[in-house]
């Protein structure tokens, strides 16, 4: 069951906007030439067709289908954009920046970017992101963005 207004449940909309589209029985890969005002041009997402809140909620078959599409997407992305690297990642819950529908980001990286080589963890490891008490437990709220 998909919640009303879930962007990632609108598979027809994703299909219509995608420049590159791959699909299997359980998932869709869609990439665009106009993500984030061209800062992430060519990047895409692998999305389960069934509404699943986070990667932790995916079935084993959905996980396998996700990585099947990731393997199929790479040669197409290589041919079209010739990226120098990739960042692959999941965001879960509001503190992790996640929308309430699991999706795996496939981000293209290029050697001439000012932040090339800094990786997916680099911004999280900066001093301005340090918690007031790094040893304190969280509150376990696990909300989603917009809640």
N, C-alpha and C. Protein backbone atom coordinates (compact mmCIF):
# COMPACT_ATOMS: atom_id res chain seq x y z
N UNK A 1 0.85 -1.19 0.00
CA UNK A 1 0.00 0.00 0.00
C UNK A 1 0.89 1.24 0.00
N UNK A 2 0.59 2.19 -0.85
CA UNK A 2 1.40 3.40 -0.93
C UNK A 2 0.64 4.60 -0.36
N UNK A 3 1.32 5.41 0.45
CA UNK A 3 0.67 6.60 1.00
C UNK A 3 0.38 7.63 -0.08
N UNK A 4 -0.70 8.35 0.09
CA UNK A 4 -1.05 9.40 -0.87
C UNK A 4 0.05 10.45 -0.89
N UNK A 5 0.39 10.89 -2.09
CA UNK A 5 1.38 11.95 -2.25
C UNK A 5 2.83 11.50 -2.20
N UNK A 6 3.10 10.20 -2.13
CA UNK A 6 4.48 9.72 -2.10
C UNK A 6 5.07 9.86 -3.51
N UNK A 7 6.06 10.73 -3.65
CA UNK A 7 6.70 10.98 -4.94
C UNK A 7 7.25 9.71 -5.57
N UNK A 8 7.84 8.86 -4.75
CA UNK A 8 8.48 7.65 -5.28
C UNK A 8 7.48 6.56 -5.63
N UNK A 9 6.25 6.70 -5.18
CA UNK A 9 5.20 5.75 -5.58
C UNK A 9 4.60 6.12 -6.93
N UNK A 10 4.88 7.35 -7.41
CA UNK A 10 4.39 7.80 -8.71
C UNK A 10 5.32 7.28 -9.80
N UNK A 11 5.21 6.00 -10.09
CA UNK A 11 6.10 5.37 -11.06
C UNK A 11 5.90 5.93 -12.47
N UNK A 12 4.67 6.28 -12.83
CA UNK A 12 4.44 6.86 -14.15
C UNK A 12 5.16 8.21 -14.29
N UNK A 13 5.13 9.02 -13.24
CA UNK A 13 5.84 10.29 -13.25
C UNK A 13 7.34 10.11 -13.35
N UNK A 14 7.88 9.14 -12.61
CA UNK A 14 9.31 8.86 -12.69
C UNK A 14 9.70 8.39 -14.09
N UNK A 15 8.87 7.53 -14.65
CA UNK A 15 9.17 7.02 -16.00
C UNK A 15 9.15 8.16 -17.01
N UNK A 16 8.21 9.09 -16.88
CA UNK A 16 8.07 10.19 -17.83
C UNK A 16 9.25 11.16 -17.76
N UNK A 17 9.83 11.35 -16.57
CA UNK A 17 10.91 12.33 -16.39
C UNK A 17 12.29 11.74 -16.60
N UNK A 18 12.42 10.44 -16.63
CA UNK A 18 13.73 9.80 -16.69
C UNK A 18 14.37 9.93 -18.06
N UNK A 19 15.67 10.17 -18.06
CA UNK A 19 16.47 10.14 -19.28
C UNK A 19 16.95 8.71 -19.51
N UNK A 20 17.39 8.07 -18.44
CA UNK A 20 17.74 6.65 -18.47
C UNK A 20 16.78 5.92 -17.55
N UNK A 21 16.21 4.84 -18.04
CA UNK A 21 15.23 4.09 -17.25
C UNK A 21 15.50 2.60 -17.42
N UNK A 22 15.57 1.92 -16.29
CA UNK A 22 15.67 0.47 -16.27
C UNK A 22 14.61 -0.02 -15.30
N UNK A 23 14.13 -1.21 -15.57
CA UNK A 23 13.06 -1.71 -14.73
C UNK A 23 13.12 -3.23 -14.68
N UNK A 24 12.82 -3.78 -13.52
CA UNK A 24 12.61 -5.22 -13.40
C UNK A 24 11.29 -5.42 -12.65
N UNK A 25 10.98 -6.61 -12.26
CA UNK A 25 9.69 -6.87 -11.63
C UNK A 25 9.48 -6.10 -10.33
N UNK A 26 10.57 -5.81 -9.60
CA UNK A 26 10.43 -5.25 -8.26
C UNK A 26 10.92 -3.82 -8.10
N UNK A 27 11.74 -3.33 -9.03
CA UNK A 27 12.36 -2.02 -8.85
C UNK A 27 12.45 -1.25 -10.17
N UNK A 28 12.71 0.05 -10.03
CA UNK A 28 12.92 0.95 -11.16
C UNK A 28 14.20 1.73 -10.91
N UNK A 29 15.04 1.91 -11.95
CA UNK A 29 16.15 2.85 -11.91
C UNK A 29 15.78 4.00 -12.83
N UNK A 30 15.88 5.22 -12.33
CA UNK A 30 15.59 6.40 -13.14
C UNK A 30 16.68 7.44 -12.90
N UNK A 31 17.20 8.00 -13.98
CA UNK A 31 18.15 9.10 -13.85
C UNK A 31 17.67 10.26 -14.71
N UNK A 32 18.19 11.43 -14.39
CA UNK A 32 17.74 12.64 -15.05
C UNK A 32 18.94 13.49 -15.43
N UNK A 33 18.76 14.34 -16.41
CA UNK A 33 19.79 15.31 -16.76
C UNK A 33 19.60 16.62 -16.01
N UNK A 34 18.58 16.72 -15.18
CA UNK A 34 18.29 17.99 -14.53
C UNK A 34 18.06 17.83 -13.03
N UNK A 35 18.82 16.97 -12.37
CA UNK A 35 18.70 16.83 -10.93
C UNK A 35 19.45 17.96 -10.24
N UNK A 36 18.84 18.56 -9.25
CA UNK A 36 19.50 19.57 -8.41
C UNK A 36 20.16 20.67 -9.24
N UNK A 37 19.48 21.15 -10.27
CA UNK A 37 20.02 22.24 -11.06
C UNK A 37 21.35 21.91 -11.73
N UNK A 38 21.48 20.70 -12.25
CA UNK A 38 22.66 20.21 -12.96
C UNK A 38 23.85 19.89 -12.05
N UNK A 39 23.75 20.11 -10.74
CA UNK A 39 24.86 19.74 -9.87
C UNK A 39 25.02 18.23 -9.82
N UNK A 40 23.93 17.51 -9.98
CA UNK A 40 23.98 16.06 -9.95
C UNK A 40 23.50 15.47 -11.28
N UNK A 41 23.80 16.14 -12.37
CA UNK A 41 23.37 15.70 -13.70
C UNK A 41 23.74 14.25 -13.95
N UNK A 42 22.77 13.48 -14.40
CA UNK A 42 22.97 12.08 -14.72
C UNK A 42 22.80 11.14 -13.56
N UNK A 43 22.80 11.67 -12.34
CA UNK A 43 22.62 10.82 -11.18
C UNK A 43 21.21 10.26 -11.16
N UNK A 44 21.00 9.20 -10.42
CA UNK A 44 19.69 8.57 -10.41
C UNK A 44 19.40 7.87 -9.11
N UNK A 45 18.29 7.16 -9.10
CA UNK A 45 17.85 6.41 -7.93
C UNK A 45 17.31 5.06 -8.37
N UNK A 46 17.50 4.07 -7.50
CA UNK A 46 16.84 2.78 -7.65
C UNK A 46 15.76 2.74 -6.59
N UNK A 47 14.54 2.48 -7.03
CA UNK A 47 13.36 2.59 -6.16
C UNK A 47 12.58 1.28 -6.20
N UNK A 48 12.23 0.73 -5.03
CA UNK A 48 11.34 -0.44 -5.07
C UNK A 48 9.95 0.00 -5.52
N UNK A 49 9.29 -0.83 -6.30
CA UNK A 49 7.94 -0.51 -6.77
C UNK A 49 6.95 -0.52 -5.61
N UNK A 50 7.13 -1.44 -4.69
CA UNK A 50 6.27 -1.47 -3.50
C UNK A 50 6.74 -0.38 -2.54
N UNK A 51 5.81 0.23 -1.85
CA UNK A 51 6.18 1.26 -0.88
C UNK A 51 6.85 0.60 0.32
N UNK A 52 8.12 0.92 0.51
CA UNK A 52 8.90 0.45 1.66
C UNK A 52 9.55 1.69 2.27
N UNK A 53 9.33 1.93 3.56
CA UNK A 53 9.85 3.17 4.16
C UNK A 53 11.37 3.32 4.11
N UNK A 54 12.13 2.25 4.37
CA UNK A 54 13.59 2.36 4.39
C UNK A 54 14.21 1.11 3.78
N UNK A 55 15.51 1.16 3.57
CA UNK A 55 16.25 0.00 3.08
C UNK A 55 16.10 -1.18 4.03
N UNK A 56 15.92 -0.90 5.32
CA UNK A 56 15.75 -1.96 6.31
C UNK A 56 14.45 -2.74 6.10
N UNK A 57 13.51 -2.18 5.36
CA UNK A 57 12.21 -2.81 5.14
C UNK A 57 12.13 -3.59 3.83
N UNK A 58 13.18 -3.55 3.03
CA UNK A 58 13.18 -4.26 1.75
C UNK A 58 13.24 -5.77 1.98
N UNK A 59 12.58 -6.50 1.12
CA UNK A 59 12.66 -7.96 1.16
C UNK A 59 13.99 -8.39 0.54
N UNK A 60 14.42 -9.60 0.81
CA UNK A 60 15.64 -10.08 0.15
C UNK A 60 15.54 -10.01 -1.39
N UNK A 61 14.38 -10.31 -1.93
CA UNK A 61 14.20 -10.24 -3.38
C UNK A 61 14.32 -8.79 -3.87
N UNK A 62 13.79 -7.83 -3.12
CA UNK A 62 13.90 -6.41 -3.50
C UNK A 62 15.34 -5.94 -3.43
N UNK A 63 16.08 -6.38 -2.42
CA UNK A 63 17.50 -6.03 -2.34
C UNK A 63 18.26 -6.57 -3.54
N UNK A 64 18.01 -7.81 -3.90
CA UNK A 64 18.67 -8.40 -5.07
C UNK A 64 18.28 -7.65 -6.34
N UNK A 65 17.02 -7.30 -6.48
CA UNK A 65 16.55 -6.57 -7.66
C UNK A 65 17.17 -5.18 -7.73
N UNK A 66 17.37 -4.54 -6.58
CA UNK A 66 18.00 -3.22 -6.51
C UNK A 66 19.42 -3.30 -7.07
N UNK A 67 20.18 -4.26 -6.60
CA UNK A 67 21.57 -4.37 -7.03
C UNK A 67 21.69 -4.89 -8.46
N UNK A 68 20.69 -5.63 -8.92
CA UNK A 68 20.66 -6.03 -10.33
C UNK A 68 20.56 -4.80 -11.21
N UNK A 69 19.68 -3.86 -10.85
CA UNK A 69 19.53 -2.63 -11.65
C UNK A 69 20.77 -1.75 -11.53
N UNK A 70 21.40 -1.70 -10.37
CA UNK A 70 22.63 -0.93 -10.21
C UNK A 70 23.70 -1.44 -11.17
N UNK A 71 23.85 -2.76 -11.26
CA UNK A 71 24.84 -3.34 -12.18
C UNK A 71 24.48 -3.04 -13.64
N UNK A 72 23.19 -3.03 -13.96
CA UNK A 72 22.77 -2.73 -15.34
C UNK A 72 22.94 -1.25 -15.66
N UNK A 73 22.76 -0.39 -14.67
CA UNK A 73 22.84 1.06 -14.90
C UNK A 73 24.26 1.54 -15.16
N UNK A 74 25.23 0.93 -14.51
CA UNK A 74 26.60 1.45 -14.62
C UNK A 74 27.10 1.57 -16.06
N UNK A 75 27.01 0.55 -16.90
CA UNK A 75 27.53 0.74 -18.27
C UNK A 75 26.79 1.83 -19.04
N UNK A 76 25.51 2.00 -18.78
CA UNK A 76 24.75 3.06 -19.46
C UNK A 76 25.21 4.44 -18.99
N UNK A 77 25.43 4.57 -17.68
CA UNK A 77 25.93 5.84 -17.13
C UNK A 77 27.35 6.11 -17.62
N UNK A 78 28.18 5.07 -17.66
CA UNK A 78 29.55 5.23 -18.16
C UNK A 78 29.55 5.72 -19.60
N UNK A 79 28.72 5.12 -20.43
CA UNK A 79 28.67 5.49 -21.85
C UNK A 79 28.17 6.92 -22.05
N UNK A 80 27.13 7.29 -21.32
CA UNK A 80 26.50 8.60 -21.53
C UNK A 80 27.27 9.75 -20.89
N UNK A 81 27.82 9.54 -19.67
CA UNK A 81 28.39 10.65 -18.91
C UNK A 81 29.89 10.53 -18.64
N UNK A 82 30.44 9.32 -18.76
CA UNK A 82 31.85 9.06 -18.49
C UNK A 82 32.29 9.57 -17.12
N UNK A 83 31.58 9.21 -16.05
CA UNK A 83 31.97 9.68 -14.72
C UNK A 83 33.31 9.06 -14.31
N UNK A 84 33.98 9.74 -13.39
CA UNK A 84 35.25 9.26 -12.87
C UNK A 84 35.07 8.42 -11.61
N UNK A 85 33.88 8.44 -11.05
CA UNK A 85 33.57 7.68 -9.84
C UNK A 85 32.10 7.77 -9.53
N UNK A 86 31.72 7.12 -8.45
CA UNK A 86 30.32 7.10 -8.02
C UNK A 86 30.27 7.20 -6.50
N UNK A 87 29.19 7.74 -5.98
CA UNK A 87 28.80 7.56 -4.58
C UNK A 87 27.45 6.85 -4.63
N UNK A 88 27.31 5.80 -3.85
CA UNK A 88 26.09 5.03 -3.78
C UNK A 88 25.62 5.09 -2.33
N UNK A 89 24.35 5.42 -2.10
CA UNK A 89 23.94 5.51 -0.70
C UNK A 89 22.44 5.56 -0.49
N UNK A 90 22.08 5.34 0.77
CA UNK A 90 20.69 5.35 1.23
C UNK A 90 20.56 6.39 2.34
N UNK A 91 19.46 7.11 2.38
CA UNK A 91 19.13 8.01 3.49
C UNK A 91 17.93 7.41 4.20
N UNK A 92 17.99 7.33 5.53
CA UNK A 92 16.90 6.74 6.29
C UNK A 92 16.47 7.66 7.43
N UNK A 93 15.20 7.95 7.51
CA UNK A 93 14.60 8.79 8.55
C UNK A 93 15.09 10.23 8.45
N UNK A 94 14.42 11.13 9.16
CA UNK A 94 14.69 12.55 9.04
C UNK A 94 16.13 12.91 9.39
N UNK A 95 16.68 12.34 10.45
CA UNK A 95 18.05 12.68 10.84
C UNK A 95 19.04 12.25 9.76
N UNK A 96 18.69 11.25 8.97
CA UNK A 96 19.54 10.80 7.88
C UNK A 96 19.21 11.46 6.56
N UNK A 97 18.21 12.35 6.54
CA UNK A 97 17.82 13.05 5.32
C UNK A 97 16.89 12.26 4.43
N UNK A 98 16.23 11.25 4.98
CA UNK A 98 15.46 10.34 4.15
C UNK A 98 13.99 10.65 3.99
N UNK A 99 13.51 10.50 2.76
CA UNK A 99 12.08 10.53 2.46
C UNK A 99 11.49 9.19 2.89
N UNK A 100 10.18 9.11 3.13
CA UNK A 100 9.59 7.87 3.62
C UNK A 100 9.31 6.82 2.54
N UNK A 101 10.19 6.68 1.57
CA UNK A 101 10.14 5.59 0.59
C UNK A 101 11.59 5.27 0.25
N UNK A 102 11.98 4.05 0.48
CA UNK A 102 13.37 3.64 0.25
C UNK A 102 13.79 3.96 -1.18
N UNK A 103 14.98 4.47 -1.32
CA UNK A 103 15.57 4.70 -2.64
C UNK A 103 17.09 4.78 -2.49
N UNK A 104 17.79 4.12 -3.39
CA UNK A 104 19.24 4.10 -3.37
C UNK A 104 19.75 5.14 -4.37
N UNK A 105 20.51 6.09 -3.87
CA UNK A 105 21.09 7.12 -4.73
C UNK A 105 22.29 6.56 -5.49
N UNK A 106 22.36 6.90 -6.76
CA UNK A 106 23.51 6.56 -7.60
C UNK A 106 24.02 7.91 -8.12
N UNK A 107 25.06 8.41 -7.45
CA UNK A 107 25.56 9.76 -7.72
C UNK A 107 26.84 9.68 -8.54
N UNK A 108 26.85 10.39 -9.65
CA UNK A 108 28.02 10.44 -10.52
C UNK A 108 29.01 11.45 -9.95
N UNK A 109 30.31 11.09 -9.99
CA UNK A 109 31.37 11.97 -9.51
C UNK A 109 32.40 12.17 -10.60
N UNK A 110 32.98 13.35 -10.64
CA UNK A 110 33.92 13.71 -11.69
C UNK A 110 35.20 14.28 -11.08
N UNK A 111 36.34 13.93 -11.68
CA UNK A 111 37.64 14.32 -11.14
C UNK A 111 37.84 15.83 -11.06
N UNK A 112 37.13 16.61 -11.89
CA UNK A 112 37.31 18.05 -11.87
C UNK A 112 36.36 18.77 -10.90
N UNK A 113 35.61 18.04 -10.09
CA UNK A 113 34.77 18.66 -9.07
C UNK A 113 35.66 19.22 -7.95
N UNK A 114 35.31 20.37 -7.39
CA UNK A 114 36.09 20.90 -6.27
C UNK A 114 36.16 19.95 -5.08
N UNK A 115 35.15 19.13 -4.88
CA UNK A 115 35.14 18.22 -3.73
C UNK A 115 35.36 16.76 -4.14
N UNK A 116 35.95 16.56 -5.30
CA UNK A 116 36.25 15.19 -5.76
C UNK A 116 37.15 14.50 -4.74
N UNK A 117 36.90 13.26 -4.50
CA UNK A 117 37.71 12.47 -3.60
C UNK A 117 37.34 12.57 -2.13
N UNK A 118 36.37 13.40 -1.81
CA UNK A 118 36.02 13.57 -0.40
C UNK A 118 35.00 12.53 0.08
N UNK A 119 34.38 11.81 -0.80
CA UNK A 119 33.55 10.69 -0.42
C UNK A 119 32.23 11.05 0.25
N UNK A 120 31.47 10.01 0.52
CA UNK A 120 30.11 10.17 1.03
C UNK A 120 30.08 10.56 2.51
N UNK A 121 31.14 10.21 3.25
CA UNK A 121 31.17 10.51 4.68
C UNK A 121 31.81 11.86 4.99
N UNK A 122 32.52 12.45 4.06
CA UNK A 122 33.29 13.66 4.33
C UNK A 122 32.48 14.77 5.00
N UNK A 123 31.30 15.16 4.49
CA UNK A 123 30.58 16.26 5.14
C UNK A 123 30.13 15.93 6.56
N UNK A 124 29.91 14.66 6.83
CA UNK A 124 29.45 14.25 8.16
C UNK A 124 30.57 14.30 9.19
N UNK A 125 31.80 14.25 8.72
CA UNK A 125 32.95 14.20 9.63
C UNK A 125 33.51 15.58 9.95
N UNK A 126 32.88 16.65 9.49
CA UNK A 126 33.39 17.99 9.72
C UNK A 126 33.07 18.45 11.14
N UNK A 127 33.94 19.31 11.70
CA UNK A 127 33.76 19.78 13.07
C UNK A 127 32.41 20.46 13.29
N UNK A 128 31.90 21.17 12.26
CA UNK A 128 30.62 21.86 12.44
C UNK A 128 29.44 20.88 12.51
N UNK A 129 29.69 19.59 12.29
CA UNK A 129 28.64 18.58 12.40
C UNK A 129 28.76 17.78 13.71
N UNK A 130 29.68 18.14 14.57
CA UNK A 130 29.89 17.41 15.82
C UNK A 130 28.73 17.64 16.78
N UNK A 131 28.26 16.56 17.38
CA UNK A 131 27.18 16.63 18.38
C UNK A 131 27.71 17.28 19.66
N UNK A 132 26.82 17.94 20.43
CA UNK A 132 27.27 18.54 21.70
C UNK A 132 27.91 17.50 22.63
N UNK A 133 27.33 16.31 22.69
CA UNK A 133 27.91 15.23 23.48
C UNK A 133 27.97 13.99 22.59
N UNK A 134 29.11 13.76 21.92
CA UNK A 134 29.21 12.65 20.98
C UNK A 134 28.97 11.27 21.60
N UNK A 135 29.07 11.15 22.91
CA UNK A 135 28.87 9.87 23.57
C UNK A 135 27.43 9.62 23.99
N UNK A 136 26.59 10.65 23.94
CA UNK A 136 25.19 10.51 24.38
C UNK A 136 24.39 9.70 23.36
N UNK A 137 23.48 8.84 23.84
CA UNK A 137 22.62 8.13 22.89
C UNK A 137 21.63 9.09 22.24
N UNK A 138 21.09 8.68 21.11
CA UNK A 138 20.03 9.48 20.48
C UNK A 138 18.71 9.24 21.20
N UNK A 139 17.63 9.82 20.63
CA UNK A 139 16.32 9.60 21.24
C UNK A 139 15.51 8.54 20.51
N UNK A 140 16.05 8.03 19.41
CA UNK A 140 15.37 6.94 18.69
C UNK A 140 14.08 7.34 18.02
N UNK A 141 13.92 8.62 17.68
CA UNK A 141 12.64 9.11 17.15
C UNK A 141 12.28 8.50 15.80
N UNK A 142 13.24 8.28 14.93
CA UNK A 142 13.03 7.71 13.61
C UNK A 142 11.84 8.30 12.86
N UNK A 143 11.75 9.60 12.88
CA UNK A 143 10.74 10.30 12.07
C UNK A 143 11.22 10.36 10.63
N UNK A 144 10.33 10.76 9.73
CA UNK A 144 10.69 11.01 8.35
C UNK A 144 10.65 12.50 8.09
N UNK A 145 11.30 12.94 7.03
CA UNK A 145 11.28 14.35 6.66
C UNK A 145 9.84 14.80 6.51
N UNK A 146 9.53 15.97 7.01
CA UNK A 146 8.18 16.51 6.88
C UNK A 146 7.23 16.09 7.98
N UNK A 147 7.64 15.18 8.85
CA UNK A 147 6.76 14.76 9.95
C UNK A 147 6.91 15.67 11.14
